[in-house]
């Protein structure tokens, strides 16, 4: 699997002008909003955070309809927090506030098979399915009255299913733009990226 990803990545830097009309190599870069949602349960509010994400990509299209694509995705650092006021147990006790802050970040290499449907000469819509090899970092802080009293950190990695849908507009012979929604099944998190990218076709 790793050899296949490396092969696709290497191919994106080849030049093949003869295939530019109906297929060939392309590279691109994009930026957007990455979101992470986790159903925690146990009476605790769900984690729901987002941050600016970006990606760089390369691929090869076999004609107008089918292609392979490799992306490096950085989902930024999504964060969320929970806060409550503690009730005094007696009149002699004073109230205080408790807060938990959580930050989750992920990166990954995403390899996909892409299917496109042209609409005229300059537009297409597409869908893709594949797998993402991801790394995720988790950080949590417990605060009392605004002061940090405990910190926890953890990390994890794995490979999971991914899919995406979007549309492309080719405004020049070798340049285009893309709007896309992607979803990644990373462990128990619902992770997504909405992005706008520019493309350069060889």
N, C-alpha and C. Protein backbone atom coordinates (compact mmCIF):
# COMPACT_ATOMS: atom_id res chain seq x y z
N UNK A 1 0.83 -1.20 0.00
CA UNK A 1 0.00 0.00 0.00
C UNK A 1 0.87 1.26 0.00
N UNK A 2 1.90 1.28 0.85
CA UNK A 2 2.78 2.45 0.91
C UNK A 2 3.51 2.65 -0.42
N UNK A 3 3.87 1.52 -1.08
CA UNK A 3 4.53 1.63 -2.38
C UNK A 3 3.61 2.28 -3.41
N UNK A 4 2.31 1.91 -3.39
CA UNK A 4 1.35 2.51 -4.32
C UNK A 4 1.24 4.00 -4.10
N UNK A 5 1.16 4.44 -2.83
CA UNK A 5 1.06 5.87 -2.54
C UNK A 5 2.30 6.61 -3.05
N UNK A 6 3.48 6.00 -2.82
CA UNK A 6 4.72 6.63 -3.27
C UNK A 6 4.78 6.73 -4.79
N UNK A 7 4.27 5.71 -5.47
CA UNK A 7 4.27 5.72 -6.93
C UNK A 7 3.36 6.81 -7.47
N UNK A 8 2.18 6.96 -6.89
CA UNK A 8 1.26 8.00 -7.34
C UNK A 8 1.87 9.38 -7.11
N UNK A 9 2.49 9.58 -5.94
CA UNK A 9 3.10 10.87 -5.62
C UNK A 9 4.21 11.20 -6.62
N UNK A 10 5.03 10.21 -6.98
CA UNK A 10 6.12 10.46 -7.92
C UNK A 10 5.59 10.81 -9.31
N UNK A 11 4.50 10.18 -9.69
CA UNK A 11 3.94 10.42 -11.03
C UNK A 11 3.40 11.82 -11.20
N UNK A 12 2.96 12.45 -10.12
CA UNK A 12 2.37 13.78 -10.23
C UNK A 12 3.38 14.81 -10.69
N UNK A 13 4.67 14.54 -10.61
CA UNK A 13 5.68 15.50 -11.02
C UNK A 13 6.20 15.24 -12.43
N UNK A 14 5.62 14.22 -13.10
CA UNK A 14 5.98 13.98 -14.49
C UNK A 14 5.25 14.98 -15.38
N UNK A 15 5.75 15.22 -16.59
CA UNK A 15 5.16 16.16 -17.53
C UNK A 15 4.67 15.40 -18.75
N UNK A 16 3.40 15.58 -19.09
CA UNK A 16 2.82 14.87 -20.23
C UNK A 16 1.85 15.78 -20.96
N UNK A 17 2.35 16.77 -21.72
CA UNK A 17 1.49 17.73 -22.37
C UNK A 17 0.53 17.10 -23.37
N UNK A 18 0.90 15.98 -23.96
CA UNK A 18 0.07 15.38 -25.00
C UNK A 18 -1.25 14.90 -24.45
N UNK A 19 -1.35 14.64 -23.13
CA UNK A 19 -2.57 14.15 -22.53
C UNK A 19 -3.39 15.24 -21.86
N UNK A 20 -2.98 16.49 -22.02
CA UNK A 20 -3.60 17.58 -21.27
C UNK A 20 -5.07 17.77 -21.60
N UNK A 21 -5.50 17.46 -22.85
CA UNK A 21 -6.88 17.71 -23.24
C UNK A 21 -7.86 16.79 -22.53
N UNK A 22 -7.59 15.48 -22.53
CA UNK A 22 -8.54 14.52 -21.99
C UNK A 22 -8.05 13.81 -20.74
N UNK A 23 -6.84 14.05 -20.31
CA UNK A 23 -6.31 13.38 -19.14
C UNK A 23 -4.90 13.84 -18.88
N UNK A 24 -4.21 13.15 -17.99
CA UNK A 24 -2.83 13.47 -17.69
C UNK A 24 -2.63 13.80 -16.23
N UNK A 25 -1.48 14.35 -15.93
CA UNK A 25 -1.09 14.66 -14.56
C UNK A 25 -1.55 16.05 -14.15
N UNK A 26 -1.78 16.21 -12.84
CA UNK A 26 -2.12 17.52 -12.29
C UNK A 26 -1.64 17.61 -10.85
N UNK A 27 -1.40 18.83 -10.39
CA UNK A 27 -1.08 19.10 -8.99
C UNK A 27 -1.96 20.26 -8.54
N UNK A 28 -2.03 20.46 -7.24
CA UNK A 28 -2.87 21.54 -6.73
C UNK A 28 -2.67 21.77 -5.25
N UNK A 29 -3.33 22.77 -4.74
CA UNK A 29 -3.30 23.10 -3.31
C UNK A 29 -4.62 23.76 -2.94
N UNK A 30 -5.03 23.56 -1.71
CA UNK A 30 -6.30 24.12 -1.28
C UNK A 30 -6.32 24.49 0.19
N UNK A 31 -7.33 25.27 0.57
CA UNK A 31 -7.51 25.69 1.96
C UNK A 31 -9.00 25.69 2.26
N UNK A 32 -9.35 25.47 3.52
CA UNK A 32 -10.76 25.43 3.88
C UNK A 32 -10.97 25.25 5.37
N UNK A 33 -12.11 24.68 5.75
CA UNK A 33 -12.45 24.48 7.15
C UNK A 33 -12.51 22.99 7.46
N UNK A 34 -11.69 22.56 8.42
CA UNK A 34 -11.72 21.19 8.90
C UNK A 34 -12.53 21.12 10.18
N UNK A 35 -13.37 20.10 10.30
CA UNK A 35 -14.24 19.95 11.48
C UNK A 35 -14.07 18.57 12.08
N UNK A 36 -14.17 18.51 13.41
CA UNK A 36 -14.11 17.26 14.15
C UNK A 36 -15.29 17.20 15.10
N UNK A 37 -16.09 16.12 15.01
CA UNK A 37 -17.21 15.92 15.91
C UNK A 37 -17.09 14.54 16.54
N UNK A 38 -17.29 14.46 17.86
CA UNK A 38 -17.20 13.20 18.58
C UNK A 38 -18.38 13.08 19.52
N UNK A 39 -19.08 11.95 19.45
CA UNK A 39 -20.19 11.66 20.37
C UNK A 39 -19.59 11.05 21.64
N UNK A 40 -19.48 11.84 22.69
CA UNK A 40 -18.84 11.39 23.91
C UNK A 40 -19.76 10.51 24.76
N UNK A 41 -21.04 10.89 24.85
CA UNK A 41 -21.98 10.13 25.66
C UNK A 41 -21.76 10.35 27.15
N UNK A 42 -22.33 9.46 27.98
CA UNK A 42 -22.18 9.52 29.45
C UNK A 42 -22.64 10.85 30.02
N UNK A 43 -23.62 11.48 29.36
CA UNK A 43 -24.16 12.73 29.86
C UNK A 43 -23.29 13.94 29.61
N UNK A 44 -22.21 13.78 28.84
CA UNK A 44 -21.30 14.88 28.55
C UNK A 44 -21.60 15.44 27.16
N UNK A 45 -21.52 16.75 27.01
CA UNK A 45 -21.77 17.37 25.71
C UNK A 45 -20.76 16.85 24.69
N UNK A 46 -21.19 16.72 23.44
CA UNK A 46 -20.33 16.23 22.38
C UNK A 46 -19.21 17.22 22.09
N UNK A 47 -18.07 16.70 21.61
CA UNK A 47 -17.00 17.56 21.13
C UNK A 47 -17.36 18.02 19.72
N UNK A 48 -17.27 19.32 19.47
CA UNK A 48 -17.59 19.89 18.17
C UNK A 48 -16.67 21.08 17.94
N UNK A 49 -15.60 20.87 17.17
CA UNK A 49 -14.61 21.93 16.94
C UNK A 49 -14.21 22.01 15.49
N UNK A 50 -13.59 23.12 15.12
CA UNK A 50 -13.15 23.31 13.74
C UNK A 50 -11.94 24.24 13.72
N UNK A 51 -11.22 24.20 12.60
CA UNK A 51 -10.05 25.05 12.42
C UNK A 51 -9.78 25.15 10.93
N UNK A 52 -8.91 26.07 10.55
CA UNK A 52 -8.50 26.19 9.15
C UNK A 52 -7.63 24.99 8.78
N UNK A 53 -7.96 24.35 7.68
CA UNK A 53 -7.18 23.23 7.17
C UNK A 53 -6.65 23.54 5.79
N UNK A 54 -5.63 22.79 5.38
CA UNK A 54 -5.10 22.96 4.03
C UNK A 54 -4.66 21.61 3.49
N UNK A 55 -4.42 21.57 2.18
CA UNK A 55 -3.94 20.33 1.57
C UNK A 55 -3.16 20.64 0.31
N UNK A 56 -2.28 19.71 -0.04
CA UNK A 56 -1.61 19.72 -1.34
C UNK A 56 -1.93 18.38 -1.99
N UNK A 57 -2.04 18.37 -3.29
CA UNK A 57 -2.52 17.17 -3.97
C UNK A 57 -1.86 16.99 -5.32
N UNK A 58 -1.91 15.77 -5.80
CA UNK A 58 -1.44 15.43 -7.14
C UNK A 58 -2.20 14.22 -7.63
N UNK A 59 -2.31 14.09 -8.93
CA UNK A 59 -3.05 12.95 -9.45
C UNK A 59 -2.83 12.74 -10.93
N UNK A 60 -3.50 11.72 -11.42
CA UNK A 60 -3.45 11.39 -12.84
C UNK A 60 -4.85 10.98 -13.29
N UNK A 61 -5.32 11.56 -14.39
CA UNK A 61 -6.63 11.22 -14.95
C UNK A 61 -6.44 10.36 -16.20
N UNK A 62 -7.13 9.22 -16.24
CA UNK A 62 -7.13 8.34 -17.41
C UNK A 62 -8.28 8.77 -18.32
N UNK A 63 -8.07 9.82 -19.09
CA UNK A 63 -9.16 10.38 -19.88
C UNK A 63 -10.00 11.32 -19.04
N UNK A 64 -11.27 11.48 -19.39
CA UNK A 64 -12.12 12.48 -18.74
C UNK A 64 -12.82 11.95 -17.48
N UNK A 65 -12.88 10.63 -17.30
CA UNK A 65 -13.83 10.09 -16.34
C UNK A 65 -13.22 9.44 -15.10
N UNK A 66 -12.03 8.92 -15.16
CA UNK A 66 -11.47 8.16 -14.05
C UNK A 66 -10.05 8.65 -13.75
N UNK A 67 -9.71 8.73 -12.47
CA UNK A 67 -8.37 9.15 -12.09
C UNK A 67 -7.95 8.59 -10.75
N UNK A 68 -6.68 8.76 -10.43
CA UNK A 68 -6.11 8.45 -9.12
C UNK A 68 -5.59 9.75 -8.52
N UNK A 69 -5.72 9.88 -7.18
CA UNK A 69 -5.31 11.14 -6.54
C UNK A 69 -4.68 10.85 -5.18
N UNK A 70 -3.63 11.61 -4.87
CA UNK A 70 -2.96 11.53 -3.58
C UNK A 70 -2.92 12.92 -2.97
N UNK A 71 -3.30 13.05 -1.68
CA UNK A 71 -3.32 14.34 -0.99
C UNK A 71 -2.60 14.24 0.35
N UNK A 72 -1.92 15.31 0.72
CA UNK A 72 -1.49 15.48 2.11
C UNK A 72 -2.42 16.51 2.73
N UNK A 73 -3.06 16.14 3.83
CA UNK A 73 -4.08 16.97 4.47
C UNK A 73 -3.66 17.33 5.88
N UNK A 74 -3.77 18.61 6.22
CA UNK A 74 -3.53 19.10 7.57
C UNK A 74 -4.83 19.72 8.07
N UNK A 75 -5.43 19.10 9.08
CA UNK A 75 -6.72 19.56 9.58
C UNK A 75 -6.65 20.62 10.66
N UNK A 76 -5.46 21.17 10.91
CA UNK A 76 -5.35 22.21 11.93
C UNK A 76 -5.55 21.65 13.33
N UNK A 77 -6.02 22.50 14.25
CA UNK A 77 -6.23 22.13 15.66
C UNK A 77 -7.64 22.54 16.08
N UNK A 78 -8.58 21.61 15.99
CA UNK A 78 -9.96 21.87 16.42
C UNK A 78 -10.04 21.87 17.94
N UNK A 79 -10.83 22.79 18.50
CA UNK A 79 -10.93 22.86 19.97
C UNK A 79 -12.36 23.06 20.41
N UNK A 80 -12.61 22.64 21.63
CA UNK A 80 -13.93 22.81 22.26
C UNK A 80 -13.70 22.87 23.76
N UNK A 81 -14.69 23.37 24.50
CA UNK A 81 -14.54 23.48 25.96
C UNK A 81 -15.90 23.32 26.64
N UNK A 82 -15.84 22.92 27.91
CA UNK A 82 -17.03 22.75 28.73
C UNK A 82 -16.77 23.48 30.05
N UNK A 83 -17.74 24.24 30.50
CA UNK A 83 -17.57 25.06 31.71
C UNK A 83 -18.82 24.97 32.57
N UNK A 84 -18.63 24.95 33.88
CA UNK A 84 -19.76 24.97 34.81
C UNK A 84 -19.34 25.64 36.11
N UNK A 85 -20.33 26.17 36.80
CA UNK A 85 -20.11 26.77 38.11
C UNK A 85 -20.43 25.73 39.18
N UNK A 86 -19.46 25.46 40.04
CA UNK A 86 -19.67 24.49 41.12
C UNK A 86 -20.50 25.11 42.23
N UNK A 87 -21.48 24.36 42.74
CA UNK A 87 -22.37 24.83 43.79
C UNK A 87 -21.73 24.55 45.15
N UNK A 88 -21.65 25.53 46.07
CA UNK A 88 -21.07 25.30 47.40
C UNK A 88 -21.84 24.22 48.14
N UNK A 89 -21.10 23.38 48.87
CA UNK A 89 -21.76 22.32 49.64
C UNK A 89 -22.27 22.85 50.98
N UNK A 90 -21.79 24.01 51.40
CA UNK A 90 -22.28 24.62 52.64
C UNK A 90 -22.12 26.13 52.52
N UNK A 91 -22.70 26.85 53.46
CA UNK A 91 -22.61 28.31 53.43
C UNK A 91 -21.19 28.79 53.64
N UNK A 92 -20.38 27.97 54.31
CA UNK A 92 -18.99 28.36 54.56
C UNK A 92 -18.12 28.18 53.32
N UNK A 93 -18.60 27.41 52.38
CA UNK A 93 -17.82 27.17 51.15
C UNK A 93 -18.09 28.27 50.14
N UNK A 94 -17.14 28.51 49.27
CA UNK A 94 -17.30 29.49 48.19
C UNK A 94 -17.44 28.77 46.86
N UNK A 95 -18.19 29.39 45.98
CA UNK A 95 -18.38 28.78 44.66
C UNK A 95 -17.10 28.94 43.83
N UNK A 96 -16.96 28.08 42.86
CA UNK A 96 -15.81 28.16 41.95
C UNK A 96 -16.23 27.60 40.59
N UNK A 97 -15.45 27.94 39.59
CA UNK A 97 -15.77 27.49 38.23
C UNK A 97 -14.83 26.37 37.81
N UNK A 98 -15.35 25.43 37.04
CA UNK A 98 -14.57 24.34 36.46
C UNK A 98 -14.69 24.41 34.94
N UNK A 99 -13.58 24.15 34.27
CA UNK A 99 -13.59 24.18 32.80
C UNK A 99 -12.66 23.11 32.26
N UNK A 100 -13.10 22.45 31.21
CA UNK A 100 -12.27 21.48 30.49
C UNK A 100 -12.11 21.98 29.06
N UNK A 101 -10.87 22.10 28.61
CA UNK A 101 -10.57 22.51 27.24
C UNK A 101 -9.90 21.35 26.52
N UNK A 102 -10.40 21.03 25.33
CA UNK A 102 -9.88 19.91 24.55
C UNK A 102 -9.49 20.39 23.17
N UNK A 103 -8.35 19.93 22.67
CA UNK A 103 -7.86 20.29 21.35
C UNK A 103 -7.48 19.00 20.61
N UNK A 104 -7.96 18.86 19.37
CA UNK A 104 -7.69 17.67 18.57
C UNK A 104 -7.17 18.12 17.20
N UNK A 105 -6.02 17.63 16.81
CA UNK A 105 -5.46 17.94 15.50
C UNK A 105 -5.16 16.67 14.74
N UNK A 106 -5.27 16.73 13.41
CA UNK A 106 -4.96 15.55 12.61
C UNK A 106 -4.30 15.94 11.30
N UNK A 107 -3.45 15.05 10.81
CA UNK A 107 -2.85 15.14 9.49
C UNK A 107 -2.96 13.78 8.84
N UNK A 108 -2.78 13.72 7.52
CA UNK A 108 -2.84 12.41 6.88
C UNK A 108 -2.56 12.44 5.39
N UNK A 109 -2.19 11.28 4.88
CA UNK A 109 -2.04 11.05 3.44
C UNK A 109 -3.29 10.32 2.95
N UNK A 110 -4.00 10.92 1.99
CA UNK A 110 -5.25 10.38 1.51
C UNK A 110 -5.11 9.97 0.04
N UNK A 111 -5.33 8.69 -0.25
CA UNK A 111 -5.26 8.16 -1.62
C UNK A 111 -6.65 7.76 -2.07
N UNK A 112 -7.05 8.19 -3.28
CA UNK A 112 -8.42 7.98 -3.74
C UNK A 112 -8.47 7.58 -5.20
N UNK A 113 -9.55 6.88 -5.54
CA UNK A 113 -9.96 6.68 -6.93
C UNK A 113 -11.06 7.69 -7.21
N UNK A 114 -10.91 8.45 -8.28
CA UNK A 114 -11.82 9.55 -8.59
C UNK A 114 -12.62 9.25 -9.86
N UNK A 115 -13.92 9.50 -9.80
CA UNK A 115 -14.78 9.41 -10.97
C UNK A 115 -15.40 10.76 -11.27
N UNK A 116 -15.23 11.24 -12.51
CA UNK A 116 -15.70 12.58 -12.90
C UNK A 116 -16.75 12.49 -14.00
N UNK A 117 -17.65 13.48 -14.02
CA UNK A 117 -18.66 13.58 -15.08
C UNK A 117 -18.59 14.98 -15.66
N UNK A 118 -18.09 15.14 -16.90
CA UNK A 118 -17.96 16.48 -17.50
C UNK A 118 -19.32 17.12 -17.78
N UNK A 119 -19.37 18.43 -17.57
CA UNK A 119 -20.54 19.23 -17.94
C UNK A 119 -20.04 20.33 -18.87
N UNK A 120 -20.13 20.11 -20.16
CA UNK A 120 -19.56 21.04 -21.12
C UNK A 120 -18.05 20.90 -21.16
N UNK A 121 -17.38 21.94 -21.67
CA UNK A 121 -15.93 21.90 -21.83
C UNK A 121 -15.16 22.39 -20.61
N UNK A 122 -15.81 23.12 -19.71
CA UNK A 122 -15.07 23.77 -18.62
C UNK A 122 -15.45 23.30 -17.22
N UNK A 123 -16.50 22.52 -17.09
CA UNK A 123 -16.96 22.11 -15.77
C UNK A 123 -17.03 20.59 -15.66
N UNK A 124 -16.88 20.10 -14.43
CA UNK A 124 -17.21 18.71 -14.14
C UNK A 124 -17.61 18.57 -12.68
N UNK A 125 -18.34 17.51 -12.37
CA UNK A 125 -18.61 17.12 -11.00
C UNK A 125 -17.94 15.77 -10.76
N UNK A 126 -17.57 15.50 -9.52
CA UNK A 126 -16.82 14.28 -9.28
C UNK A 126 -17.14 13.71 -7.90
N UNK A 127 -16.81 12.44 -7.76
CA UNK A 127 -16.87 11.76 -6.46
C UNK A 127 -15.62 10.89 -6.36
N UNK A 128 -15.17 10.66 -5.13
CA UNK A 128 -14.00 9.80 -4.96
C UNK A 128 -14.10 9.02 -3.66
N UNK A 129 -13.48 7.85 -3.65
CA UNK A 129 -13.41 7.01 -2.46
C UNK A 129 -11.97 6.55 -2.30
N UNK A 130 -11.58 6.30 -1.05
CA UNK A 130 -10.21 5.87 -0.83
C UNK A 130 -9.94 5.59 0.62
N UNK A 131 -8.69 5.82 1.03
CA UNK A 131 -8.27 5.56 2.40
C UNK A 131 -7.31 6.66 2.83
N UNK A 132 -7.38 7.02 4.11
CA UNK A 132 -6.48 8.02 4.67
C UNK A 132 -5.61 7.37 5.74
N UNK A 133 -4.30 7.56 5.63
CA UNK A 133 -3.36 7.17 6.68
C UNK A 133 -3.14 8.39 7.56
N UNK A 134 -3.66 8.39 8.77
CA UNK A 134 -3.75 9.58 9.59
C UNK A 134 -2.92 9.49 10.86
N UNK A 135 -2.57 10.66 11.36
CA UNK A 135 -1.98 10.84 12.69
C UNK A 135 -2.81 11.88 13.42
N UNK A 136 -3.15 11.61 14.66
CA UNK A 136 -3.99 12.54 15.43
C UNK A 136 -3.33 12.81 16.79
N UNK A 137 -3.45 14.06 17.25
CA UNK A 137 -2.95 14.48 18.56
C UNK A 137 -4.11 15.02 19.39
N UNK A 138 -4.10 14.68 20.68
CA UNK A 138 -5.16 15.06 21.61
C UNK A 138 -4.53 15.76 22.80
N UNK A 139 -5.09 16.91 23.18
CA UNK A 139 -4.61 17.63 24.36
C UNK A 139 -5.81 18.11 25.16
N UNK A 140 -5.75 17.96 26.48
CA UNK A 140 -6.85 18.39 27.36
C UNK A 140 -6.29 19.12 28.56
N UNK A 141 -7.01 20.15 29.00
CA UNK A 141 -6.65 20.90 30.20
C UNK A 141 -7.86 20.98 31.13
N UNK A 142 -7.60 20.82 32.43
CA UNK A 142 -8.63 20.99 33.44
C UNK A 142 -8.29 22.24 34.24
N UNK A 143 -9.23 23.22 34.27
CA UNK A 143 -8.99 24.49 34.94
C UNK A 143 -9.99 24.70 36.07
N UNK A 144 -9.51 25.29 37.12
CA UNK A 144 -10.37 25.72 38.24
C UNK A 144 -10.16 27.20 38.44
N UNK A 145 -11.25 27.96 38.34
CA UNK A 145 -11.19 29.42 38.43
C UNK A 145 -10.15 30.01 37.47
N UNK A 146 -10.06 29.42 36.29
CA UNK A 146 -9.17 29.94 35.25
C UNK A 146 -7.74 29.48 35.32
N UNK A 147 -7.37 28.72 36.36
CA UNK A 147 -5.99 28.23 36.51
C UNK A 147 -5.92 26.75 36.14
N UNK A 148 -4.92 26.39 35.35
CA UNK A 148 -4.74 25.01 34.92
C UNK A 148 -4.24 24.17 36.09
N UNK A 149 -4.96 23.10 36.40
CA UNK A 149 -4.55 22.20 37.47
C UNK A 149 -4.15 20.81 36.95
N UNK A 150 -4.47 20.51 35.69
CA UNK A 150 -4.08 19.22 35.14
C UNK A 150 -4.05 19.31 33.62
N UNK A 151 -3.10 18.58 33.01
CA UNK A 151 -2.99 18.52 31.56
C UNK A 151 -2.80 17.06 31.15
N UNK A 152 -3.40 16.70 30.00
CA UNK A 152 -3.24 15.37 29.45
C UNK A 152 -2.97 15.48 27.95
N UNK A 153 -2.07 14.62 27.45
CA UNK A 153 -1.77 14.58 26.02
C UNK A 153 -1.73 13.13 25.55
N UNK A 154 -2.14 12.92 24.30
CA UNK A 154 -2.10 11.58 23.71
C UNK A 154 -2.03 11.71 22.20
N UNK A 155 -1.64 10.64 21.54
CA UNK A 155 -1.59 10.62 20.08
C UNK A 155 -1.98 9.24 19.60
N UNK A 156 -2.40 9.17 18.34
CA UNK A 156 -2.83 7.90 17.76
C UNK A 156 -2.64 7.99 16.25
N UNK A 157 -2.68 6.85 15.58
CA UNK A 157 -2.59 6.83 14.12
C UNK A 157 -3.32 5.60 13.60
N UNK A 158 -3.58 5.59 12.31
CA UNK A 158 -4.29 4.47 11.70
C UNK A 158 -4.60 4.73 10.25
N UNK A 159 -5.34 3.83 9.65
CA UNK A 159 -5.78 3.95 8.25
C UNK A 159 -7.27 3.68 8.21
N UNK A 160 -8.04 4.59 7.62
CA UNK A 160 -9.49 4.45 7.58
C UNK A 160 -10.05 4.93 6.24
N UNK A 161 -11.33 4.63 6.04
CA UNK A 161 -12.05 4.95 4.80
C UNK A 161 -12.24 6.46 4.65
N UNK A 162 -12.20 6.94 3.40
CA UNK A 162 -12.47 8.35 3.10
C UNK A 162 -13.29 8.45 1.82
N UNK A 163 -14.03 9.55 1.70
CA UNK A 163 -14.77 9.82 0.46
C UNK A 163 -14.92 11.32 0.29
N UNK A 164 -15.25 11.73 -0.93
CA UNK A 164 -15.42 13.15 -1.21
C UNK A 164 -16.27 13.38 -2.43
N UNK A 165 -16.89 14.57 -2.51
CA UNK A 165 -17.66 14.99 -3.68
C UNK A 165 -17.35 16.46 -3.94
N UNK A 166 -17.48 16.87 -5.20
CA UNK A 166 -17.21 18.28 -5.51
C UNK A 166 -17.40 18.60 -6.96
N UNK A 167 -16.92 19.77 -7.34
CA UNK A 167 -17.02 20.23 -8.71
C UNK A 167 -15.78 21.04 -9.09
N UNK A 168 -15.43 21.02 -10.37
CA UNK A 168 -14.25 21.72 -10.87
C UNK A 168 -14.61 22.64 -12.02
N UNK A 169 -13.88 23.74 -12.12
CA UNK A 169 -14.05 24.71 -13.20
C UNK A 169 -12.68 24.98 -13.80
N UNK A 170 -12.52 24.70 -15.11
CA UNK A 170 -11.24 24.89 -15.79
C UNK A 170 -11.31 26.20 -16.56
N UNK A 171 -10.78 27.28 -15.94
CA UNK A 171 -10.95 28.60 -16.51
C UNK A 171 -9.85 28.95 -17.52
N UNK A 172 -8.75 28.20 -17.53
CA UNK A 172 -7.72 28.34 -18.55
C UNK A 172 -7.33 26.95 -19.02
N UNK A 173 -6.53 26.87 -20.07
CA UNK A 173 -6.19 25.58 -20.64
C UNK A 173 -5.53 24.65 -19.62
N UNK A 174 -4.63 25.18 -18.80
CA UNK A 174 -3.90 24.36 -17.85
C UNK A 174 -4.20 24.67 -16.39
N UNK A 175 -5.16 25.55 -16.13
CA UNK A 175 -5.48 25.92 -14.75
C UNK A 175 -6.96 25.73 -14.47
N UNK A 176 -7.25 25.34 -13.21
CA UNK A 176 -8.64 25.15 -12.81
C UNK A 176 -8.82 25.43 -11.33
N UNK A 177 -10.07 25.38 -10.89
CA UNK A 177 -10.42 25.58 -9.49
C UNK A 177 -11.42 24.50 -9.08
N UNK A 178 -11.40 24.16 -7.80
CA UNK A 178 -12.23 23.06 -7.31
C UNK A 178 -12.84 23.43 -5.96
N UNK A 179 -14.12 23.06 -5.79
CA UNK A 179 -14.80 23.12 -4.50
C UNK A 179 -15.13 21.70 -4.09
N UNK A 180 -14.86 21.35 -2.83
CA UNK A 180 -14.96 19.94 -2.46
C UNK A 180 -15.35 19.76 -0.99
N UNK A 181 -16.12 18.70 -0.75
CA UNK A 181 -16.41 18.24 0.61
C UNK A 181 -15.82 16.85 0.77
N UNK A 182 -15.06 16.64 1.85
CA UNK A 182 -14.47 15.33 2.12
C UNK A 182 -14.81 14.88 3.53
N UNK A 183 -14.97 13.56 3.70
CA UNK A 183 -15.30 12.99 4.99
C UNK A 183 -14.31 11.86 5.27
N UNK A 184 -13.80 11.83 6.53
CA UNK A 184 -12.81 10.83 6.92
C UNK A 184 -13.30 10.10 8.17
N UNK A 185 -13.34 8.77 8.10
CA UNK A 185 -13.78 7.96 9.25
C UNK A 185 -12.58 7.67 10.15
N UNK A 186 -12.17 8.66 10.94
CA UNK A 186 -11.01 8.53 11.81
C UNK A 186 -11.46 8.06 13.19
N UNK A 187 -11.25 6.77 13.48
CA UNK A 187 -11.66 6.17 14.75
C UNK A 187 -13.12 6.50 15.05
N UNK A 188 -13.38 7.10 16.23
CA UNK A 188 -14.76 7.41 16.63
C UNK A 188 -15.17 8.83 16.28
N UNK A 189 -14.33 9.54 15.52
CA UNK A 189 -14.61 10.94 15.20
C UNK A 189 -15.21 11.07 13.81
N UNK A 190 -16.14 11.99 13.66
CA UNK A 190 -16.68 12.37 12.36
C UNK A 190 -15.87 13.58 11.88
N UNK A 191 -14.93 13.35 10.99
CA UNK A 191 -13.97 14.37 10.58
C UNK A 191 -14.20 14.74 9.12
N UNK A 192 -14.21 16.03 8.81
CA UNK A 192 -14.51 16.47 7.46
C UNK A 192 -13.67 17.69 7.08
N UNK A 193 -13.61 17.95 5.78
CA UNK A 193 -12.90 19.12 5.26
C UNK A 193 -13.69 19.68 4.09
N UNK A 194 -14.05 20.96 4.19
CA UNK A 194 -14.65 21.70 3.08
C UNK A 194 -13.58 22.64 2.55
N UNK A 195 -13.22 22.52 1.27
CA UNK A 195 -12.07 23.26 0.78
C UNK A 195 -12.28 23.82 -0.63
N UNK A 196 -11.50 24.83 -0.93
CA UNK A 196 -11.38 25.39 -2.28
C UNK A 196 -9.93 25.24 -2.71
N UNK A 197 -9.69 24.72 -3.91
CA UNK A 197 -8.35 24.44 -4.39
C UNK A 197 -8.13 25.00 -5.78
N UNK A 198 -6.87 25.24 -6.11
CA UNK A 198 -6.48 25.56 -7.47
C UNK A 198 -5.72 24.38 -8.04
N UNK A 199 -5.86 24.12 -9.33
CA UNK A 199 -5.27 22.97 -10.01
C UNK A 199 -4.42 23.43 -11.18
N UNK A 200 -3.33 22.71 -11.41
CA UNK A 200 -2.47 22.96 -12.56
C UNK A 200 -2.30 21.64 -13.29
N UNK A 201 -2.79 21.59 -14.55
CA UNK A 201 -2.72 20.38 -15.36
C UNK A 201 -1.49 20.45 -16.27
N UNK A 202 -0.78 19.32 -16.36
CA UNK A 202 0.39 19.24 -17.24
C UNK A 202 -0.02 18.83 -18.66
